[in-house]
PDB file of N, CA and C in Angstrom:
ATOM      1  N   MET A   1      67.784-113.709 -16.609  1.00  0.00           N
ATOM      2  CA  MET A   1      67.855-114.379 -18.131  1.00  0.00           C
ATOM      3  C   MET A   1      68.989-115.691 -17.774  1.00  0.00           C
ATOM      4  N   ARG A   2      68.510-116.809 -17.792  1.00  0.00           N
ATOM      5  CA  ARG A   2      69.356-118.115 -17.624  1.00  0.00           C
ATOM      6  C   ARG A   2      70.227-118.262 -18.360  1.00  0.00           C
ATOM      7  N   THR A   3      71.193-118.680 -17.865  1.00  0.00           N
ATOM      8  CA  THR A   3      72.342-119.153 -18.524  1.00  0.00           C
ATOM      9  C   THR A   3      72.283-120.306 -19.105  1.00  0.00           C
ATOM     10  N   SER A   4      72.714-121.241 -19.910  1.00  0.00           N
ATOM     11  CA  SER A   4      72.538-122.493 -20.502  1.00  0.00           C
ATOM     12  C   SER A   4      72.915-123.865 -19.550  1.00  0.00           C
ATOM     13  N   PHE A   5      72.258-124.642 -19.902  1.00  0.00           N
ATOM     14  CA  PHE A   5      72.540-125.706 -19.310  1.00  0.00           C
ATOM     15  C   PHE A   5      73.570-126.025 -19.617  1.00  0.00           C
ATOM     16  N   ASP A   6      74.490-126.527 -18.303  1.00  0.00           N
ATOM     17  CA  ASP A   6      75.920-127.041 -17.771  1.00  0.00           C
ATOM     18  C   ASP A   6      75.906-128.891 -18.134  1.00  0.00           C
ATOM     19  N   ALA A   7      76.055-129.334 -18.918  1.00  0.00           N
ATOM     20  CA  ALA A   7      75.991-130.562 -19.549  1.00  0.00           C
ATOM     21  C   ALA A   7      76.858-131.247 -18.260  1.00  0.00           C
ATOM     22  N   ARG A   8      77.625-131.112 -17.905  1.00  0.00           N
ATOM     23  CA  ARG A   8      78.407-131.390 -16.732  1.00  0.00           C
ATOM     24  C   ARG A   8      77.492-131.945 -15.744  1.00  0.00           C
ATOM     25  N   SER A   9      76.374-131.736 -15.547  1.00  0.00           N
ATOM     26  CA  SER A   9      75.073-132.174 -14.555  1.00  0.00           C
ATOM     27  C   SER A   9      74.880-133.579 -14.455  1.00  0.00           C
ATOM     28  N   PHE A  10      74.537-133.773 -15.916  1.00  0.00           N
ATOM     29  CA  PHE A  10      74.475-135.062 -16.556  1.00  0.00           C
ATOM     30  C   PHE A  10      75.280-136.033 -15.679  1.00  0.00           C
ATOM     31  N   LEU A  11      76.297-135.569 -15.781  1.00  0.00           N
ATOM     32  CA  LEU A  11      77.554-136.758 -14.950  1.00  0.00           C
ATOM     33  C   LEU A  11      77.385-136.720 -13.712  1.00  0.00           C
ATOM     34  N   HIS A  12      77.321-135.408 -12.907  1.00  0.00           N
ATOM     35  CA  HIS A  12      77.028-135.868 -11.505  1.00  0.00           C
ATOM     36  C   HIS A  12      76.027-136.460 -11.232  1.00  0.00           C
ATOM     37  N   LEU A  13      74.867-136.683 -12.320  1.00  0.00           N
ATOM     38  CA  LEU A  13      73.769-137.582 -11.882  1.00  0.00           C
ATOM     39  C   LEU A  13      74.291-138.538 -12.320  1.00  0.00           C
ATOM     40  N   ALA A  14      74.638-139.004 -13.181  1.00  0.00           N
ATOM     41  CA  ALA A  14      74.653-140.439 -13.516  1.00  0.00           C
ATOM     42  C   ALA A  14      76.033-141.318 -12.292  1.00  0.00           C
ATOM     43  N   ASP A  15      76.564-140.366 -11.785  1.00  0.00           N
ATOM     44  CA  ASP A  15      77.832-140.616 -10.447  1.00  0.00           C
ATOM     45  C   ASP A  15      76.752-140.989  -9.416  1.00  0.00           C
ATOM     46  N   ARG A  16      76.471-139.785  -9.571  1.00  0.00           N
ATOM     47  CA  ARG A  16      74.654-140.183  -7.819  1.00  0.00           C
ATOM     48  C   ARG A  16      74.446-141.842  -8.211  1.00  0.00           C
ATOM     49  N   LEU A  17      73.839-141.816  -9.188  1.00  0.00           N
ATOM     50  CA  LEU A  17      72.580-143.001  -9.593  1.00  0.00           C
ATOM     51  C   LEU A  17      73.467-144.269  -9.185  1.00  0.00           C
ATOM     52  N   LEU A  18      74.911-144.297  -9.348  1.00  0.00           N
ATOM     53  CA  LEU A  18      75.561-144.980  -9.712  1.00  0.00           C
ATOM     54  C   LEU A  18      75.342-146.080  -8.033  1.00  0.00           C
ATOM     55  N   ASN A  19      75.514-145.174  -7.369  1.00  0.00           N
ATOM     56  CA  ASN A  19      75.478-145.212  -5.807  1.00  0.00           C
ATOM     57  C   ASN A  19      73.961-145.120  -5.350  1.00  0.00           C
ATOM     58  N   ASP A  20      72.849-144.969  -5.764  1.00  0.00           N
ATOM     59  CA  ASP A  20      71.750-144.542  -4.616  1.00  0.00           C
ATOM     60  C   ASP A  20      70.822-146.386  -5.083  1.00  0.00           C
ATOM     61  N   ASN A  21      71.349-147.085  -3.571  1.00  0.00           N
ATOM     62  CA  ASN A  21      70.318-148.310  -3.683  1.00  0.00           C
ATOM     63  C   ASN A  21      68.887-148.172  -3.748  1.00  0.00           C
ATOM     64  N   ARG A  22      68.395-146.923  -4.602  1.00  0.00           N
ATOM     65  CA  ARG A  22      67.056-147.164  -4.178  1.00  0.00           C
ATOM     66  C   ARG A  22      66.349-146.959  -5.327  1.00  0.00           C
ATOM     67  N   TYR A  23      67.361-147.743  -6.440  1.00  0.00           N
ATOM     68  CA  TYR A  23      67.163-148.256  -7.572  1.00  0.00           C
ATOM     69  C   TYR A  23      67.607-149.406  -7.511  1.00  0.00           C
ATOM     70  N   GLU A  24      67.060-150.162  -8.837  1.00  0.00           N
ATOM     71  CA  GLU A  24      67.669-151.504  -9.044  1.00  0.00           C
ATOM     72  C   GLU A  24      68.578-151.066  -9.873  1.00  0.00           C
ATOM     73  N   LYS A  25      69.537-152.423  -9.855  1.00  0.00           N
ATOM     74  CA  LYS A  25      71.198-151.712  -9.622  1.00  0.00           C
ATOM     75  C   LYS A  25      71.394-151.661 -11.705  1.00  0.00           C
ATOM     76  N   GLU A  26      70.553-152.748 -12.059  1.00  0.00           N
ATOM     77  CA  GLU A  26      71.083-152.850 -13.692  1.00  0.00           C
ATOM     78  C   GLU A  26      70.948-151.407 -14.431  1.00  0.00           C
ATOM     79  N   ALA A  27      69.293-151.380 -14.067  1.00  0.00           N
ATOM     80  CA  ALA A  27      68.803-149.641 -14.596  1.00  0.00           C
ATOM     81  C   ALA A  27      69.147-148.810 -14.066  1.00  0.00           C
ATOM     82  N   ARG A  28      69.880-148.396 -12.487  1.00  0.00           N
ATOM     83  CA  ARG A  28      70.230-147.187 -12.411  1.00  0.00           C
ATOM     84  C   ARG A  28      71.795-147.416 -13.054  1.00  0.00           C
ATOM     85  N   ILE A  29      72.931-147.978 -13.429  1.00  0.00           N
ATOM     86  CA  ILE A  29      73.823-148.413 -14.330  1.00  0.00           C
ATOM     87  C   ILE A  29      73.714-148.010 -15.704  1.00  0.00           C
ATOM     88  N   ARG A  30      72.717-148.751 -16.019  1.00  0.00           N
ATOM     89  CA  ARG A  30      72.090-148.118 -17.571  1.00  0.00           C
ATOM     90  C   ARG A  30      72.108-146.579 -18.050  1.00  0.00           C
ATOM     91  N   THR A  31      71.213-146.282 -16.829  1.00  0.00           N
ATOM     92  CA  THR A  31      71.125-144.954 -16.957  1.00  0.00           C
ATOM     93  C   THR A  31      72.101-143.791 -16.729  1.00  0.00           C
ATOM     94  N   ALA A  32      72.616-144.281 -15.862  1.00  0.00           N
ATOM     95  CA  ALA A  32      74.632-143.454 -15.711  1.00  0.00           C
ATOM     96  C   ALA A  32      74.755-143.405 -17.025  1.00  0.00           C
ATOM     97  N   ILE A  33      75.411-144.787 -17.528  1.00  0.00           N
ATOM     98  CA  ILE A  33      75.640-144.274 -18.791  1.00  0.00           C
ATOM     99  C   ILE A  33      75.408-143.835 -19.464  1.00  0.00           C
ATOM    100  N   GLY A  34      73.939-143.412 -20.232  1.00  0.00           N
ATOM    101  CA  GLY A  34      73.172-142.545 -20.985  1.00  0.00           C
ATOM    102  C   GLY A  34      73.814-141.268 -20.488  1.00  0.00           C
ATOM    103  N   ARG A  35      73.635-140.645 -19.210  1.00  0.00           N
ATOM    104  CA  ARG A  35      73.892-139.557 -18.637  1.00  0.00           C
ATOM    105  C   ARG A  35      75.607-139.051 -18.724  1.00  0.00           C
ATOM    106  N   ALA A  36      76.177-140.380 -18.730  1.00  0.00           N
ATOM    107  CA  ALA A  36      77.790-139.864 -18.786  1.00  0.00           C
ATOM    108  C   ALA A  36      78.084-139.768 -20.047  1.00  0.00           C
ATOM    109  N   TYR A  37      77.394-140.207 -20.935  1.00  0.00           N
ATOM    110  CA  TYR A  37      78.035-140.008 -22.523  1.00  0.00           C
ATOM    111  C   TYR A  37      77.221-138.839 -22.935  1.00  0.00           C
ATOM    112  N   TYR A  38      75.857-138.393 -22.495  1.00  0.00           N
ATOM    113  CA  TYR A  38      75.496-137.456 -22.763  1.00  0.00           C
ATOM    114  C   TYR A  38      76.266-135.932 -22.250  1.00  0.00           C
ATOM    115  N   ALA A  39      77.130-136.204 -21.037  1.00  0.00           N
ATOM    116  CA  ALA A  39      77.590-135.195 -20.552  1.00  0.00           C
ATOM    117  C   ALA A  39      78.607-134.653 -21.084  1.00  0.00           C
ATOM    118  N   ALA A  40      79.391-135.855 -21.476  1.00  0.00           N
ATOM    119  CA  ALA A  40      80.437-135.769 -22.846  1.00  0.00           C
ATOM    120  C   ALA A  40      80.128-135.348 -24.238  1.00  0.00           C
ATOM    121  N   PHE A  41      79.154-135.666 -24.580  1.00  0.00           N
ATOM    122  CA  PHE A  41      78.435-135.099 -26.070  1.00  0.00           C
ATOM    123  C   PHE A  41      78.746-133.997 -25.844  1.00  0.00           C
ATOM    124  N   LEU A  42      77.596-133.431 -25.421  1.00  0.00           N
ATOM    125  CA  LEU A  42      77.022-132.222 -25.378  1.00  0.00           C
ATOM    126  C   LEU A  42      78.130-131.272 -24.935  1.00  0.00           C
ATOM    127  N   SER A  43      79.166-131.698 -23.875  1.00  0.00           N
ATOM    128  CA  SER A  43      80.198-130.381 -23.831  1.00  0.00           C
ATOM    129  C   SER A  43      80.856-130.667 -24.858  1.00  0.00           C
ATOM    130  N   ALA A  44      80.999-131.273 -25.596  1.00  0.00           N
ATOM    131  CA  ALA A  44      82.466-131.557 -27.101  1.00  0.00           C
ATOM    132  C   ALA A  44      81.345-131.010 -27.897  1.00  0.00           C
ATOM    133  N   MET A  45      79.918-131.201 -28.123  1.00  0.00           N
ATOM    134  CA  MET A  45      79.733-130.066 -29.480  1.00  0.00           C
ATOM    135  C   MET A  45      79.779-128.886 -29.119  1.00  0.00           C
ATOM    136  N   LYS A  46      79.529-128.393 -27.954  1.00  0.00           N
ATOM    137  CA  LYS A  46      79.013-126.806 -27.442  1.00  0.00           C
ATOM    138  C   LYS A  46      80.649-126.575 -27.811  1.00  0.00           C
ATOM    139  N   LYS A  47      81.819-127.178 -27.448  1.00  0.00           N
ATOM    140  CA  LYS A  47      83.216-126.492 -27.427  1.00  0.00           C
ATOM    141  C   LYS A  47      83.662-126.095 -29.117  1.00  0.00           C
ATOM    142  N   LEU A  48      83.125-127.464 -29.446  1.00  0.00           N
ATOM    143  CA  LEU A  48      83.125-127.350 -31.260  1.00  0.00           C
ATOM    144  C   LEU A  48      82.794-126.197 -31.777  1.00  0.00           C
ATOM    145  N   GLN A  49      81.408-125.970 -31.263  1.00  0.00           N
ATOM    146  CA  GLN A  49      80.668-125.035 -32.065  1.00  0.00           C
ATOM    147  C   GLN A  49      81.291-123.336 -31.756  1.00  0.00           C
ATOM    148  N   GLY A  50      81.519-123.441 -30.514  1.00  0.00           N
ATOM    149  CA  GLY A  50      82.840-122.136 -30.157  1.00  0.00           C
ATOM    150  C   GLY A  50      83.603-122.094 -30.575  1.00  0.00           C
ATOM    151  N   LEU A  51      84.353-122.912 -31.449  1.00  0.00           N
ATOM    152  CA  LEU A  51      85.045-123.005 -32.160  1.00  0.00           C
ATOM    153  C   LEU A  51      84.802-122.851 -33.417  1.00  0.00           C
ATOM    154  N   GLY A  52      83.627-122.529 -33.858  1.00  0.00           N
ATOM    155  CA  GLY A  52      83.106-122.567 -35.297  1.00  0.00           C
ATOM    156  C   GLY A  52      83.034-123.400 -35.793  1.00  0.00           C
ATOM    157  N   CYS A  53      82.718-124.549 -35.323  1.00  0.00           N
ATOM    158  CA  CYS A  53      81.686-125.406 -36.018  1.00  0.00           C
ATOM    159  C   CYS A  53      80.220-125.200 -36.288  1.00  0.00           C
ATOM    160  N   SER A  54      79.397-125.638 -36.872  1.00  0.00           N
ATOM    161  CA  SER A  54      78.080-126.075 -36.608  1.00  0.00           C
ATOM    162  C   SER A  54      78.041-127.444 -37.400  1.00  0.00           C
ATOM    163  N   PHE A  55      76.873-127.399 -36.582  1.00  0.00           N
ATOM    164  CA  PHE A  55      76.226-128.609 -36.965  1.00  0.00           C
ATOM    165  C   PHE A  55      74.473-128.453 -37.648  1.00  0.00           C
ATOM    166  N   LYS A  56      74.226-129.062 -39.183  1.00  0.00           N
ATOM    167  CA  LYS A  56      73.117-129.216 -39.271  1.00  0.00           C
ATOM    168  C   LYS A  56      72.227-129.870 -39.349  1.00  0.00           C
ATOM    169  N   ASP A  57      72.400-131.488 -39.692  1.00  0.00           N
ATOM    170  CA  ASP A  57      71.922-132.217 -39.714  1.00  0.00           C
ATOM    171  C   ASP A  57      71.636-132.865 -38.695  1.00  0.00           C
ATOM    172  N   VAL A  58      70.515-132.685 -38.082  1.00  0.00           N
ATOM    173  CA  VAL A  58      70.094-133.378 -36.458  1.00  0.00           C
ATOM    174  C   VAL A  58      69.930-135.211 -36.853  1.00  0.00           C
ATOM    175  N   TYR A  59      69.903-135.706 -37.754  1.00  0.00           N
ATOM    176  CA  TYR A  59      69.849-137.039 -37.736  1.00  0.00           C
ATOM    177  C   TYR A  59      71.562-137.921 -37.942  1.00  0.00           C
ATOM    178  N   ARG A  60      72.403-136.631 -37.987  1.00  0.00           N
ATOM    179  CA  ARG A  60      73.662-137.152 -38.148  1.00  0.00           C
ATOM    180  C   ARG A  60      75.024-136.180 -37.144  1.00  0.00           C
ATOM    181  N   LEU A  61      74.033-135.742 -35.810  1.00  0.00           N
ATOM    182  CA  LEU A  61      74.447-134.798 -34.914  1.00  0.00           C
ATOM    183  C   LEU A  61      75.952-135.899 -34.442  1.00  0.00           C
ATOM    184  N   HIS A  62      75.101-136.970 -33.821  1.00  0.00           N
ATOM    185  CA  HIS A  62      76.414-137.481 -33.043  1.00  0.00           C
ATOM    186  C   HIS A  62      77.468-137.991 -33.570  1.00  0.00           C
ATOM    187  N   LYS A  63      77.382-138.650 -34.491  1.00  0.00           N
ATOM    188  CA  LYS A  63      78.640-138.956 -35.347  1.00  0.00           C
ATOM    189  C   LYS A  63      79.210-137.626 -36.218  1.00  0.00           C
ATOM    190  N   ASP A  64      78.674-136.612 -36.865  1.00  0.00           N
ATOM    191  CA  ASP A  64      79.143-135.148 -37.200  1.00  0.00           C
ATOM    192  C   ASP A  64      79.791-134.891 -35.889  1.00  0.00           C
ATOM    193  N   VAL A  65      79.493-134.924 -34.597  1.00  0.00           N
ATOM    194  CA  VAL A  65      80.138-134.079 -33.371  1.00  0.00           C
ATOM    195  C   VAL A  65      82.271-135.146 -33.674  1.00  0.00           C
ATOM    196  N   ILE A  66      81.468-136.455 -33.225  1.00  0.00           N
ATOM    197  CA  ILE A  66      82.185-137.641 -32.985  1.00  0.00           C
ATOM    198  C   ILE A  66      83.902-137.242 -34.211  1.00  0.00           C
ATOM    199  N   GLU A  67      82.847-137.017 -35.384  1.00  0.00           N
ATOM    200  CA  GLU A  67      84.247-136.849 -36.742  1.00  0.00           C
ATOM    201  C   GLU A  67      84.927-135.647 -36.593  1.00  0.00           C
ATOM    202  N   MET A  68      84.021-134.797 -36.427  1.00  0.00           N
ATOM    203  CA  MET A  68      84.797-133.224 -35.897  1.00  0.00           C
ATOM    204  C   MET A  68      85.913-133.219 -34.515  1.00  0.00           C
ATOM    205  N   LEU A  69      84.991-133.586 -33.758  1.00  0.00           N
ATOM    206  CA  LEU A  69      86.642-133.952 -32.733  1.00  0.00           C
ATOM    207  C   LEU A  69      87.332-134.741 -32.975  1.00  0.00           C
ATOM    208  N   SER A  70      87.464-135.801 -33.183  1.00  0.00           N
ATOM    209  CA  SER A  70      88.439-136.553 -34.314  1.00  0.00           C
ATOM    210  C   SER A  70      89.119-135.955 -34.960  1.00  0.00           C
ATOM    211  N   SER A  71      88.977-135.074 -36.084  1.00  0.00           N
ATOM    212  CA  SER A  71      90.042-134.330 -36.718  1.00  0.00           C
ATOM    213  C   SER A  71      90.567-132.981 -35.634  1.00  0.00           C
ATOM    214  N   ARG A  72      90.283-133.026 -34.778  1.00  0.00           N
ATOM    215  CA  ARG A  72      91.087-132.550 -33.799  1.00  0.00           C
ATOM    216  C   ARG A  72      92.190-132.531 -32.945  1.00  0.00           C
ATOM    217  N   ASN A  73      91.622-134.027 -32.341  1.00  0.00           N
ATOM    218  CA  ASN A  73      91.641-134.867 -31.282  1.00  0.00           C
ATOM    219  C   ASN A  73      91.416-136.032 -31.445  1.00  0.00           C
ATOM    220  N   GLY A  74      92.510-136.714 -32.136  1.00  0.00           N
ATOM    221  CA  GLY A  74      92.070-138.308 -32.858  1.00  0.00           C
ATOM    222  C   GLY A  74      91.902-139.034 -31.496  1.00  0.00           C
ATOM    223  N   GLY A  75      92.211-138.833 -30.678  1.00  0.00           N
ATOM    224  CA  GLY A  75      91.865-139.824 -29.269  1.00  0.00           C
ATOM    225  C   GLY A  75      90.670-139.955 -28.690  1.00  0.00           C
ATOM    226  N   LEU A  76      90.455-137.900 -28.541  1.00  0.00           N
ATOM    227  CA  LEU A  76      89.029-137.446 -27.944  1.00  0.00           C
ATOM    228  C   LEU A  76      88.138-138.048 -28.498  1.00  0.00           C
ATOM    229  N   GLY A  77      87.882-138.352 -29.918  1.00  0.00           N
ATOM    230  CA  GLY A  77      87.325-138.671 -30.411  1.00  0.00           C
ATOM    231  C   GLY A  77      86.874-139.968 -30.355  1.00  0.00           C
ATOM    232  N   SER A  78      88.067-140.551 -30.176  1.00  0.00           N
ATOM    233  CA  SER A  78      87.729-142.307 -30.339  1.00  0.00           C
ATOM    234  C   SER A  78      87.101-142.660 -29.107  1.00  0.00           C
ATOM    235  N   LYS A  79      87.725-141.805 -28.127  1.00  0.00           N
ATOM    236  CA  LYS A  79      86.741-142.235 -26.469  1.00  0.00           C
ATOM    237  C   LYS A  79      85.734-141.907 -26.771  1.00  0.00           C
ATOM    238  N   LEU A  80      85.393-140.487 -27.096  1.00  0.00           N
ATOM    239  CA  LEU A  80      83.876-140.461 -27.386  1.00  0.00           C
ATOM    240  C   LEU A  80      82.841-141.400 -27.810  1.00  0.00           C
ATOM    241  N   ASN A  81      83.406-141.836 -29.518  1.00  0.00           N
ATOM    242  CA  ASN A  81      82.778-142.956 -29.951  1.00  0.00           C
ATOM    243  C   ASN A  81      82.483-144.193 -29.317  1.00  0.00           C
ATOM    244  N   ASP A  82      83.702-144.379 -28.291  1.00  0.00           N
ATOM    245  CA  ASP A  82      83.591-145.566 -27.612  1.00  0.00           C
ATOM    246  C   ASP A  82      82.377-145.521 -26.694  1.00  0.00           C
ATOM    247  N   LEU A  83      82.414-144.468 -25.942  1.00  0.00           N
ATOM    248  CA  LEU A  83      81.419-143.608 -24.972  1.00  0.00           C
ATOM    249  C   LEU A  83      79.987-143.931 -25.294  1.00  0.00           C
ATOM    250  N   LEU A  84      80.049-143.409 -26.824  1.00  0.00           N
ATOM    251  CA  LEU A  84      78.506-143.644 -27.631  1.00  0.00           C
ATOM    252  C   LEU A  84      78.115-145.069 -27.575  1.00  0.00           C
ATOM    253  N   GLU A  85      79.035-146.001 -27.773  1.00  0.00           N
ATOM    254  CA  GLU A  85      78.878-147.454 -28.461  1.00  0.00           C
ATOM    255  C   GLU A  85      78.417-147.853 -27.256  1.00  0.00           C
ATOM    256  N   TYR A  86      79.388-148.245 -25.624  1.00  0.00           N
ATOM    257  CA  TYR A  86      78.310-147.844 -24.706  1.00  0.00           C
ATOM    258  C   TYR A  86      77.182-147.520 -23.960  1.00  0.00           C
ATOM    259  N   ARG A  87      76.895-146.584 -24.483  1.00  0.00           N
ATOM    260  CA  ARG A  87      75.702-145.776 -24.457  1.00  0.00           C
ATOM    261  C   ARG A  87      74.601-146.828 -25.348  1.00  0.00           C
ATOM    262  N   VAL A  88      74.812-147.138 -26.103  1.00  0.00           N
ATOM    263  CA  VAL A  88      73.674-147.278 -27.298  1.00  0.00           C
ATOM    264  C   VAL A  88      73.588-149.034 -26.656  1.00  0.00           C
ATOM    265  N   ASP A  89      74.381-149.677 -26.284  1.00  0.00           N
ATOM    266  CA  ASP A  89      74.786-151.500 -25.797  1.00  0.00           C
ATOM    267  C   ASP A  89      73.243-151.101 -24.583  1.00  0.00           C
ATOM    268  N   ALA A  90      73.742-149.511 -23.825  1.00  0.00           N
ATOM    269  CA  ALA A  90      72.721-149.400 -22.197  1.00  0.00           C
ATOM    270  C   ALA A  90      71.618-149.040 -22.445  1.00  0.00           C
ATOM    271  N   ASP A  91      71.045-148.629 -23.696  1.00  0.00           N
ATOM    272  CA  ASP A  91      69.836-148.198 -23.877  1.00  0.00           C
ATOM    273  C   ASP A  91      69.133-149.201 -24.956  1.00  0.00           C
ATOM    274  N   TYR A  92      70.024-149.923 -26.005  1.00  0.00           N
ATOM    275  CA  TYR A  92      68.891-150.517 -27.009  1.00  0.00           C
ATOM    276  C   TYR A  92      69.369-152.242 -26.854  1.00  0.00           C
ATOM    277  N   LYS A  93      70.191-152.722 -26.157  1.00  0.00           N
ATOM    278  CA  LYS A  93      70.797-154.046 -26.293  1.00  0.00           C
ATOM    279  C   LYS A  93      70.425-154.472 -24.923  1.00  0.00           C
ATOM    280  N   MET A  94      68.936-155.000 -24.311  1.00  0.00           N
ATOM    281  CA  MET A  94      68.896-155.151 -23.563  1.00  0.00           C
ATOM    282  C   MET A  94      69.697-156.854 -22.497  1.00  0.00           C
ATOM    283  N   GLU A  95      70.322-158.064 -23.512  1.00  0.00           N
ATOM    284  CA  GLU A  95      70.960-158.580 -23.382  1.00  0.00           C
ATOM    285  C   GLU A  95      72.214-158.166 -23.283  1.00  0.00           C
ATOM    286  N   ALA A  96      72.942-156.679 -23.512  1.00  0.00           N
ATOM    287  CA  ALA A  96      73.994-156.505 -22.927  1.00  0.00           C
ATOM    288  C   ALA A  96      74.421-156.710 -21.744  1.00  0.00           C
ATOM    289  N   ARG A  97      75.781-157.034 -21.171  1.00  0.00           N
ATOM    290  CA  ARG A  97      75.934-156.822 -20.005  1.00  0.00           C
ATOM    291  C   ARG A  97      76.571-155.791 -19.508  1.00  0.00           C
ATOM    292  N   VAL A  98      76.291-154.826 -18.908  1.00  0.00           N
ATOM    293  CA  VAL A  98      76.611-153.554 -18.984  1.00  0.00           C
ATOM    294  C   VAL A  98      77.075-153.043 -17.182  1.00  0.00           C
ATOM    295  N   THR A  99      76.512-154.041 -16.041  1.00  0.00           N
ATOM    296  CA  THR A  99      76.824-153.563 -14.683  1.00  0.00           C
ATOM    297  C   THR A  99      78.338-153.369 -14.427  1.00  0.00           C
ATOM    298  N   HIS A 100      79.390-153.779 -15.328  1.00  0.00           N
ATOM    299  CA  HIS A 100      80.736-153.264 -15.132  1.00  0.00           C
ATOM    300  C   HIS A 100      81.166-152.085 -15.627  1.00  0.00           C
ATOM    301  N   LEU A 101      80.347-151.720 -16.516  1.00  0.00           N
ATOM    302  CA  LEU A 101      80.396-150.133 -17.559  1.00  0.00           C
ATOM    303  C   LEU A 101      80.476-148.926 -16.495  1.00  0.00           C
ATOM    304  N   GLY A 102      79.574-148.837 -15.675  1.00  0.00           N
ATOM    305  CA  GLY A 102      79.242-147.669 -14.758  1.00  0.00           C
ATOM    306  C   GLY A 102      79.908-146.642 -14.545  1.00  0.00           C
ATOM    307  N   GLU A 103      81.282-147.383 -13.814  1.00  0.00           N
ATOM    308  CA  GLU A 103      82.301-146.191 -12.972  1.00  0.00           C
ATOM    309  C   GLU A 103      83.290-146.131 -14.322  1.00  0.00           C
ATOM    310  N   LYS A 104      83.520-147.148 -15.437  1.00  0.00           N
ATOM    311  CA  LYS A 104      84.115-146.605 -16.318  1.00  0.00           C
ATOM    312  C   LYS A 104      83.580-145.571 -17.072  1.00  0.00           C
ATOM    313  N   CYS A 105      82.499-145.561 -17.350  1.00  0.00           N
ATOM    314  CA  CYS A 105      81.665-144.452 -18.614  1.00  0.00           C
ATOM    315  C   CYS A 105      82.222-143.382 -17.729  1.00  0.00           C
ATOM    316  N   CYS A 106      81.992-142.928 -16.540  1.00  0.00           N
ATOM    317  CA  CYS A 106      81.606-142.081 -15.426  1.00  0.00           C
ATOM    318  C   CYS A 106      83.189-141.515 -16.046  1.00  0.00           C
ATOM    319  N   ARG A 107      83.879-142.272 -15.776  1.00  0.00           N
ATOM    320  CA  ARG A 107      85.666-141.555 -16.006  1.00  0.00           C
ATOM    321  C   ARG A 107      85.775-141.154 -17.153  1.00  0.00           C
ATOM    322  N   LEU A 108      85.333-141.787 -17.920  1.00  0.00           N
ATOM    323  CA  LEU A 108      85.885-141.830 -19.611  1.00  0.00           C
ATOM    324  C   LEU A 108      84.834-140.272 -20.356  1.00  0.00           C
ATOM    325  N   SER A 109      84.006-139.865 -19.625  1.00  0.00           N
ATOM    326  CA  SER A 109      83.204-138.921 -19.945  1.00  0.00           C
ATOM    327  C   SER A 109      84.150-137.761 -18.832  1.00  0.00           C
ATOM    328  N   GLU A 110      84.856-138.116 -17.966  1.00  0.00           N
ATOM    329  CA  GLU A 110      85.266-137.059 -17.146  1.00  0.00           C
ATOM    330  C   GLU A 110      86.898-136.929 -18.069  1.00  0.00           C
ATOM    331  N   HIS A 111      86.783-137.109 -18.111  1.00  0.00           N
ATOM    332  CA  HIS A 111      88.288-137.409 -19.370  1.00  0.00           C
ATOM    333  C   HIS A 111      88.085-136.846 -20.311  1.00  0.00           C
ATOM    334  N   ILE A 112      86.662-136.929 -21.159  1.00  0.00           N
ATOM    335  CA  ILE A 112      87.072-136.028 -22.451  1.00  0.00           C
ATOM    336  C   ILE A 112      86.466-135.195 -21.513  1.00  0.00           C
ATOM    337  N   ILE A 113      85.666-134.662 -21.371  1.00  0.00           N
ATOM    338  CA  ILE A 113      85.028-132.840 -20.843  1.00  0.00           C
ATOM    339  C   ILE A 113      86.502-132.450 -20.041  1.00  0.00           C
ATOM    340  N   ASN A 114      87.794-132.769 -19.371  1.00  0.00           N
ATOM    341  CA  ASN A 114      88.778-131.854 -18.954  1.00  0.00           C
ATOM    342  C   ASN A 114      89.614-132.111 -20.172  1.00  0.00           C
ATOM    343  N   ARG A 115      89.925-132.579 -20.882  1.00  0.00           N
ATOM    344  CA  ARG A 115      90.473-132.440 -21.722  1.00  0.00           C
ATOM    345  C   ARG A 115      89.609-131.380 -23.034  1.00  0.00           C
ATOM    346  N   LEU A 116      88.809-131.437 -23.202  1.00  0.00           N
ATOM    347  CA  LEU A 116      88.192-130.530 -24.143  1.00  0.00           C
ATOM    348  C   LEU A 116      88.557-129.303 -24.294  1.00  0.00           C
ATOM    349  N   GLU A 117      89.133-128.786 -22.966  1.00  0.00           N
ATOM    350  CA  GLU A 117      89.888-127.201 -22.527  1.00  0.00           C
ATOM    351  C   GLU A 117      91.298-127.117 -23.345  1.00  0.00           C
ATOM    352  N   GLU A 118      91.364-128.169 -23.759  1.00  0.00           N
ATOM    353  CA  GLU A 118      93.037-128.062 -24.924  1.00  0.00           C
ATOM    354  C   GLU A 118      92.376-128.014 -26.354  1.00  0.00           C
ATOM    355  N   LEU A 119      91.298-128.114 -26.737  1.00  0.00           N
ATOM    356  CA  LEU A 119      91.248-127.738 -27.875  1.00  0.00           C
ATOM    357  C   LEU A 119      90.877-126.774 -28.252  1.00  0.00           C
ATOM    358  N   HIS A 120      91.798-126.533 -29.568  1.00  0.00           N
ATOM    359  CA  HIS A 120      91.660-125.691 -30.396  1.00  0.00           C
ATOM    360  C   HIS A 120      91.686-125.086 -31.985  1.00  0.00           C
TER     361      HIS A 120
END
């Protein structure tokens, strides 16, 4: 029987990408930002579901998770929202300067994931 995917694996991948010079720098940073976000987002969603929350509207999923997290811990919700905004910049705004955000996003994601344990 397969256990569920550990979203923290995305964070490990993001960390490795940041230091992998085999790939073009900006592309790997933009990809790392996205993976760091999804590590935190999926971890938050799983934690909230474990606490009895449900998310039915796939089109609002990201905002709903952030809002529910914010209702339980405003600081964590705000940090996850910041990470979402960095991810949107990295994925959709090619003119955005993101080269300084890779490490920051990985550390922010790690912080969020570690603090999720405190939610009840």
